[in-house]
C-alpha atoms as a PDB file:
ATOM      1  CA  MET A   1       0.000   0.000   0.000  1.00  0.00           C
ATOM      2  CA  LEU A   2       0.938   3.316  -0.666  1.00  0.00           C
ATOM      3  CA  VAL A   3       1.302   5.728   2.068  1.00  0.00           C
ATOM      4  CA  HIS A   4       0.164   9.211   1.661  1.00  0.00           C
ATOM      5  CA  LYS A   5       2.613  11.801   2.317  1.00  0.00           C
ATOM      6  CA  LYS A   6       1.607  14.421   4.612  1.00  0.00           C
ATOM      7  CA  GLN A   7       1.388  17.578   2.824  1.00  0.00           C
ATOM      8  CA  GLU A   8       2.413  20.571   4.539  1.00  0.00           C
ATOM      9  CA  ILE A   9       0.255  23.534   4.005  1.00  0.00           C
ATOM     10  CA  PRO A  10       1.987  26.745   4.574  1.00  0.00           C
ATOM     11  CA  VAL A  11       0.052  28.654   7.140  1.00  0.00           C
ATOM     12  CA  CYS A  12       0.217  32.308   6.712  1.00  0.00           C
ATOM     13  CA  GLU A  13       0.126  34.124   9.780  1.00  0.00           C
ATOM     14  CA  GLN A  14      -2.568  36.564   9.787  1.00  0.00           C
ATOM     15  CA  GLU A  15      -1.544  39.925  10.655  1.00  0.00           C
ATOM     16  CA  THR A  16      -3.439  41.336  13.410  1.00  0.00           C
ATOM     17  CA  ALA A  17      -4.755  44.528  12.111  1.00  0.00           C
ATOM     18  CA  LEU A  18      -6.089  47.273  14.147  1.00  0.00           C
ATOM     19  CA  PRO A  19      -9.875  47.232  14.273  1.00  0.00           C
ATOM     20  CA  THR A  20     -11.218  49.692  11.788  1.00  0.00           C
ATOM     21  CA  PRO A  21     -13.627  52.109  13.296  1.00  0.00           C
ATOM     22  CA  LYS A  22     -17.065  51.568  11.887  1.00  0.00           C
ATOM     23  CA  MET A  23     -18.838  54.580  10.593  1.00  0.00           C
ATOM     24  CA  VAL A  24     -22.097  54.807  12.458  1.00  0.00           C
ATOM     25  CA  ARG A  25     -24.475  57.044  10.622  1.00  0.00           C
ATOM     26  CA  LYS A  26     -26.777  59.097  12.676  1.00  0.00           C
ATOM     27  CA  ALA A  27     -30.391  58.494  11.902  1.00  0.00           C
ATOM     28  CA  ASP A  28     -31.616  60.913   9.294  1.00  0.00           C
ATOM     29  CA  LYS A  29     -34.440  62.673  11.103  1.00  0.00           C
ATOM     30  CA  GLN A  30     -35.879  64.203   7.935  1.00  0.00           C
ATOM     31  CA  LEU A  31     -36.049  60.827   6.216  1.00  0.00           C
ATOM     32  CA  ARG A  32     -37.801  59.316   9.227  1.00  0.00           C
ATOM     33  CA  ALA A  33     -40.297  62.184   9.309  1.00  0.00           C
ATOM     34  CA  LYS A  34     -41.031  61.757   5.589  1.00  0.00           C
ATOM     35  CA  CYS A  35     -41.536  58.007   5.999  1.00  0.00           C
ATOM     36  CA  LEU A  36     -43.808  58.576   8.981  1.00  0.00           C
ATOM     37  CA  MET A  37     -45.870  61.104   7.013  1.00  0.00           C
ATOM     38  CA  LEU A  38     -46.096  58.641   4.112  1.00  0.00           C
ATOM     39  CA  VAL A  39     -47.373  55.880   6.421  1.00  0.00           C
ATOM     40  CA  ILE A  40     -49.900  58.250   8.028  1.00  0.00           C
ATOM     41  CA  LEU A  41     -51.091  59.425   4.598  1.00  0.00           C
ATOM     42  CA  ALA A  42     -51.529  55.811   3.418  1.00  0.00           C
ATOM     43  CA  ALA A  43     -53.487  54.977   6.593  1.00  0.00           C
ATOM     44  CA  VAL A  44     -55.766  58.004   6.147  1.00  0.00           C
ATOM     45  CA  MET A  45     -56.400  57.106   2.477  1.00  0.00           C
ATOM     46  CA  ALA A  46     -57.233  53.521   3.460  1.00  0.00           C
ATOM     47  CA  ALA A  47     -59.621  54.759   6.168  1.00  0.00           C
ATOM     48  CA  VAL A  48     -61.365  57.160   3.748  1.00  0.00           C
ATOM     49  CA  THR A  49     -61.739  54.406   1.152  1.00  0.00           C
ATOM     50  CA  THR A  50     -63.173  52.048   3.770  1.00  0.00           C
ATOM     51  CA  ILE A  51     -65.637  54.675   5.005  1.00  0.00           C
ATOM     52  CA  GLN A  52     -66.756  55.434   1.442  1.00  0.00           C
ATOM     53  CA  SER A  53     -67.264  51.744   0.718  1.00  0.00           C
ATOM     54  CA  ALA A  54     -69.310  51.356   3.891  1.00  0.00           C
ATOM     55  CA  ALA A  55     -71.459  54.353   2.924  1.00  0.00           C
ATOM     56  CA  ILE A  56     -72.063  52.946  -0.564  1.00  0.00           C
ATOM     57  CA  ILE A  57     -73.010  49.541   0.832  1.00  0.00           C
ATOM     58  CA  GLN A  58     -75.372  51.124   3.381  1.00  0.00           C
ATOM     59  CA  ALA A  59     -77.008  53.167   0.604  1.00  0.00           C
ATOM     60  CA  GLY A  60     -77.482  49.948  -1.374  1.00  0.00           C
ATOM     61  CA  TYR A  61     -79.192  48.282   1.574  1.00  0.00           C
ATOM     62  CA  ASP A  62     -81.400  51.334   2.055  1.00  0.00           C
ATOM     63  CA  LEU A  63     -82.320  51.281  -1.645  1.00  0.00           C
ATOM     64  CA  VAL A  64     -83.321  47.620  -1.486  1.00  0.00           C
ATOM     65  CA  ARG A  65     -85.408  48.291   1.640  1.00  0.00           C
ATOM     66  CA  VAL A  66     -87.170  51.260   0.027  1.00  0.00           C
ATOM     67  CA  LYS A  67     -87.844  49.288  -3.162  1.00  0.00           C
ATOM     68  CA  SER A  68     -89.438  46.492  -1.145  1.00  0.00           C
ATOM     69  CA  GLN A  69     -91.587  49.046   0.696  1.00  0.00           C
ATOM     70  CA  VAL A  70     -92.641  50.567  -2.650  1.00  0.00           C
ATOM     71  CA  ALA A  71     -93.612  47.147  -3.986  1.00  0.00           C
ATOM     72  CA  LYS A  72     -95.602  46.419  -0.820  1.00  0.00           C
ATOM     73  CA  ILE A  73     -97.422  49.763  -0.990  1.00  0.00           C
ATOM     74  CA  GLU A  74     -98.160  49.307  -4.713  1.00  0.00           C
ATOM     75  CA  LYS A  75     -99.744  45.914  -3.975  1.00  0.00           C
ATOM     76  CA  GLU A  76    -101.793  47.478  -1.210  1.00  0.00           C
ATOM     77  CA  ASN A  77    -102.805  50.299  -3.565  1.00  0.00           C
ATOM     78  CA  GLU A  78    -103.982  47.805  -6.191  1.00  0.00           C
ATOM     79  CA  LEU A  79    -106.056  45.994  -3.569  1.00  0.00           C
ATOM     80  CA  LEU A  80    -107.631  49.296  -2.538  1.00  0.00           C
ATOM     81  CA  ARG A  81    -108.398  50.135  -6.177  1.00  0.00           C
ATOM     82  CA  LEU A  82    -110.061  46.743  -6.522  1.00  0.00           C
ATOM     83  CA  ASP A  83    -112.127  47.408  -3.394  1.00  0.00           C
ATOM     84  CA  ILE A  84    -113.153  50.808  -4.773  1.00  0.00           C
ATOM     85  CA  ALA A  85    -114.233  49.216  -8.054  1.00  0.00           C
ATOM     86  CA  LYS A  86    -116.273  46.629  -6.155  1.00  0.00           C
ATOM     87  CA  LEU A  87    -117.911  49.318  -4.014  1.00  0.00           C
ATOM     88  CA  LYS A  88    -118.763  51.440  -7.069  1.00  0.00           C
ATOM     89  CA  SER A  89    -120.445  48.601  -8.949  1.00  0.00           C
ATOM     90  CA  PRO A  90    -124.103  49.362  -9.759  1.00  0.00           C
ATOM     91  CA  GLN A  91    -125.240  45.902  -8.646  1.00  0.00           C
ATOM     92  CA  ARG A  92    -123.764  46.391  -5.163  1.00  0.00           C
ATOM     93  CA  ILE A  93    -125.238  49.878  -4.859  1.00  0.00           C
ATOM     94  CA  GLU A  94    -128.676  48.617  -5.955  1.00  0.00           C
ATOM     95  CA  GLU A  95    -128.483  45.712  -3.525  1.00  0.00           C
ATOM     96  CA  TYR A  96    -127.438  48.002  -0.655  1.00  0.00           C
ATOM     97  CA  ALA A  97    -130.181  50.511  -1.462  1.00  0.00           C
ATOM     98  CA  THR A  98    -132.913  47.865  -1.561  1.00  0.00           C
ATOM     99  CA  LYS A  99    -131.791  45.908   1.521  1.00  0.00           C
ATOM    100  CA  ASN A 100    -130.498  48.590   3.880  1.00  0.00           C
ATOM    101  CA  LEU A 101    -132.224  51.785   2.784  1.00  0.00           C
ATOM    102  CA  GLY A 102    -135.620  50.342   1.882  1.00  0.00           C
ATOM    103  CA  MET A 103    -135.572  51.702  -1.674  1.00  0.00           C
ATOM    104  CA  VAL A 104    -137.337  49.942  -4.536  1.00  0.00           C
ATOM    105  CA  VAL A 105    -136.486  49.665  -8.192  1.00  0.00           C
ATOM    106  CA  PRO A 106    -138.989  51.676 -10.307  1.00  0.00           C
ATOM    107  CA  LYS A 107    -141.160  49.655 -12.674  1.00  0.00           C
ATOM    108  CA  ASN A 108    -141.355  52.348 -15.354  1.00  0.00           C
ATOM    109  CA  ALA A 109    -138.715  54.923 -16.155  1.00  0.00           C
ATOM    110  CA  TYR A 110    -139.282  57.946 -18.360  1.00  0.00           C
ATOM    111  CA  PHE A 111    -136.526  59.680 -20.260  1.00  0.00           C
ATOM    112  CA  ALA A 112    -136.780  63.144 -21.820  1.00  0.00           C
ATOM    113  CA  THR A 113    -135.193  63.759 -25.218  1.00  0.00           C
ATOM    114  CA  THR A 114    -135.182  66.674 -27.623  1.00  0.00           C
ATOM    115  CA  VAL A 115    -136.129  66.169 -31.254  1.00  0.00           C
ATOM    116  CA  MET A 116    -135.385  68.655 -34.003  1.00  0.00           C
ATOM    117  CA  PRO A 117    -138.200  69.019 -36.552  1.00  0.00           C
ATOM    118  CA  GLU A 118    -137.385  67.856 -40.052  1.00  0.00           C
ATOM    119  CA  SER A 119    -138.030  71.293 -41.547  1.00  0.00           C
ATOM    120  CA  SER A 120    -135.430  72.949 -39.296  1.00  0.00           C
ATOM    121  CA  HIS A 121    -132.651  70.694 -40.650  1.00  0.00           C
ATOM    122  CA  SER A 122    -133.267  71.588 -44.291  1.00  0.00           C
ATOM    123  CA  GLN A 123    -133.813  75.311 -43.912  1.00  0.00           C
ATOM    124  CA  SER A 124    -132.981  77.676 -41.179  1.00  0.00           C
ATOM    125  CA  THR A 125    -135.436  80.411 -40.310  1.00  0.00           C
ATOM    126  CA  PRO A 126    -133.774  83.801 -40.388  1.00  0.00           C
ATOM    127  CA  VAL A 127    -134.447  85.949 -37.353  1.00  0.00           C
ATOM    128  CA  ASP A 128    -135.161  89.615 -37.996  1.00  0.00           C
ATOM    129  CA  SER A 129    -132.646  91.938 -36.491  1.00  0.00           C
ATOM    130  CA  ASN A 130    -135.523  94.077 -35.267  1.00  0.00           C
ATOM    131  CA  ASP A 131    -136.826  91.285 -33.014  1.00  0.00           C
ATOM    132  CA  GLY A 132    -135.829  91.479 -29.402  1.00  0.00           C
ATOM    133  CA  ILE A 133    -133.966  88.949 -27.320  1.00  0.00           C
ATOM    134  CA  ALA A 134    -137.186  87.609 -25.877  1.00  0.00           C
ATOM    135  CA  ASP A 135    -138.499  86.837 -29.377  1.00  0.00           C
ATOM    136  CA  LYS A 136    -135.277  84.995 -30.247  1.00  0.00           C
ATOM    137  CA  VAL A 137    -135.525  82.869 -27.089  1.00  0.00           C
ATOM    138  CA  LEU A 138    -139.199  82.073 -27.741  1.00  0.00           C
ATOM    139  CA  SER A 139    -138.508  81.116 -31.346  1.00  0.00           C
ATOM    140  CA  ALA A 140    -135.676  78.813 -30.201  1.00  0.00           C
ATOM    141  CA  ILE A 141    -137.968  77.137 -27.667  1.00  0.00           C
ATOM    142  CA  LYS A 142    -140.701  76.629 -30.274  1.00  0.00           C
ATOM    143  CA  VAL A 143    -138.270  74.947 -32.675  1.00  0.00           C
ATOM    144  CA  HIS A 144    -137.184  72.306 -30.136  1.00  0.00           C
ATOM    145  CA  THR A 145    -140.024  70.125 -28.905  1.00  0.00           C
ATOM    146  CA  VAL A 146    -139.590  67.863 -25.942  1.00  0.00           C
ATOM    147  CA  GLU A 147    -140.959  64.346 -26.063  1.00  0.00           C
ATOM    148  CA  ALA A 148    -141.064  61.809 -23.300  1.00  0.00           C
ATOM    149  CA  SER A 149    -140.260  58.261 -24.210  1.00  0.00           C
ATOM    150  CA  LYS A 150    -141.219  55.327 -22.085  1.00  0.00           C
ATOM    151  CA  GLY A 151    -138.167  53.261 -21.088  1.00  0.00           C
ATOM    152  CA  ARG A 152    -137.251  50.149 -19.172  1.00  0.00           C
END
């Protein structure tokens, strides 16, 4: 077997040097103040953004609540309109009048109508300008005759 030779490694003696004084920088007060202001500004901006978001969300909830109230009131309004229509119906009024008020339905009903004579359509009668207002009114009444027609 082969034997390894011990190798000698030259060891350099390290020179002991004098410790170098480290340069300790004093804290830059202006830089610290600027950084602090930057952090405060970022915190304020974050708080404002959060408050705005909360206000927008609250407004959304309020809008949904108001819309549901509007829908509820519109339904109630439609029901009231339906009740009004039912109360205004002639059949209900007739029934109420006969049962509660003791009224009776008339057997015969008479309606008055005005009929223009045939001659007045074809030719109009000129009125003299010398006639007075009373004559004009009387002539107008004579032209229109009232007839009663039997209904129901």
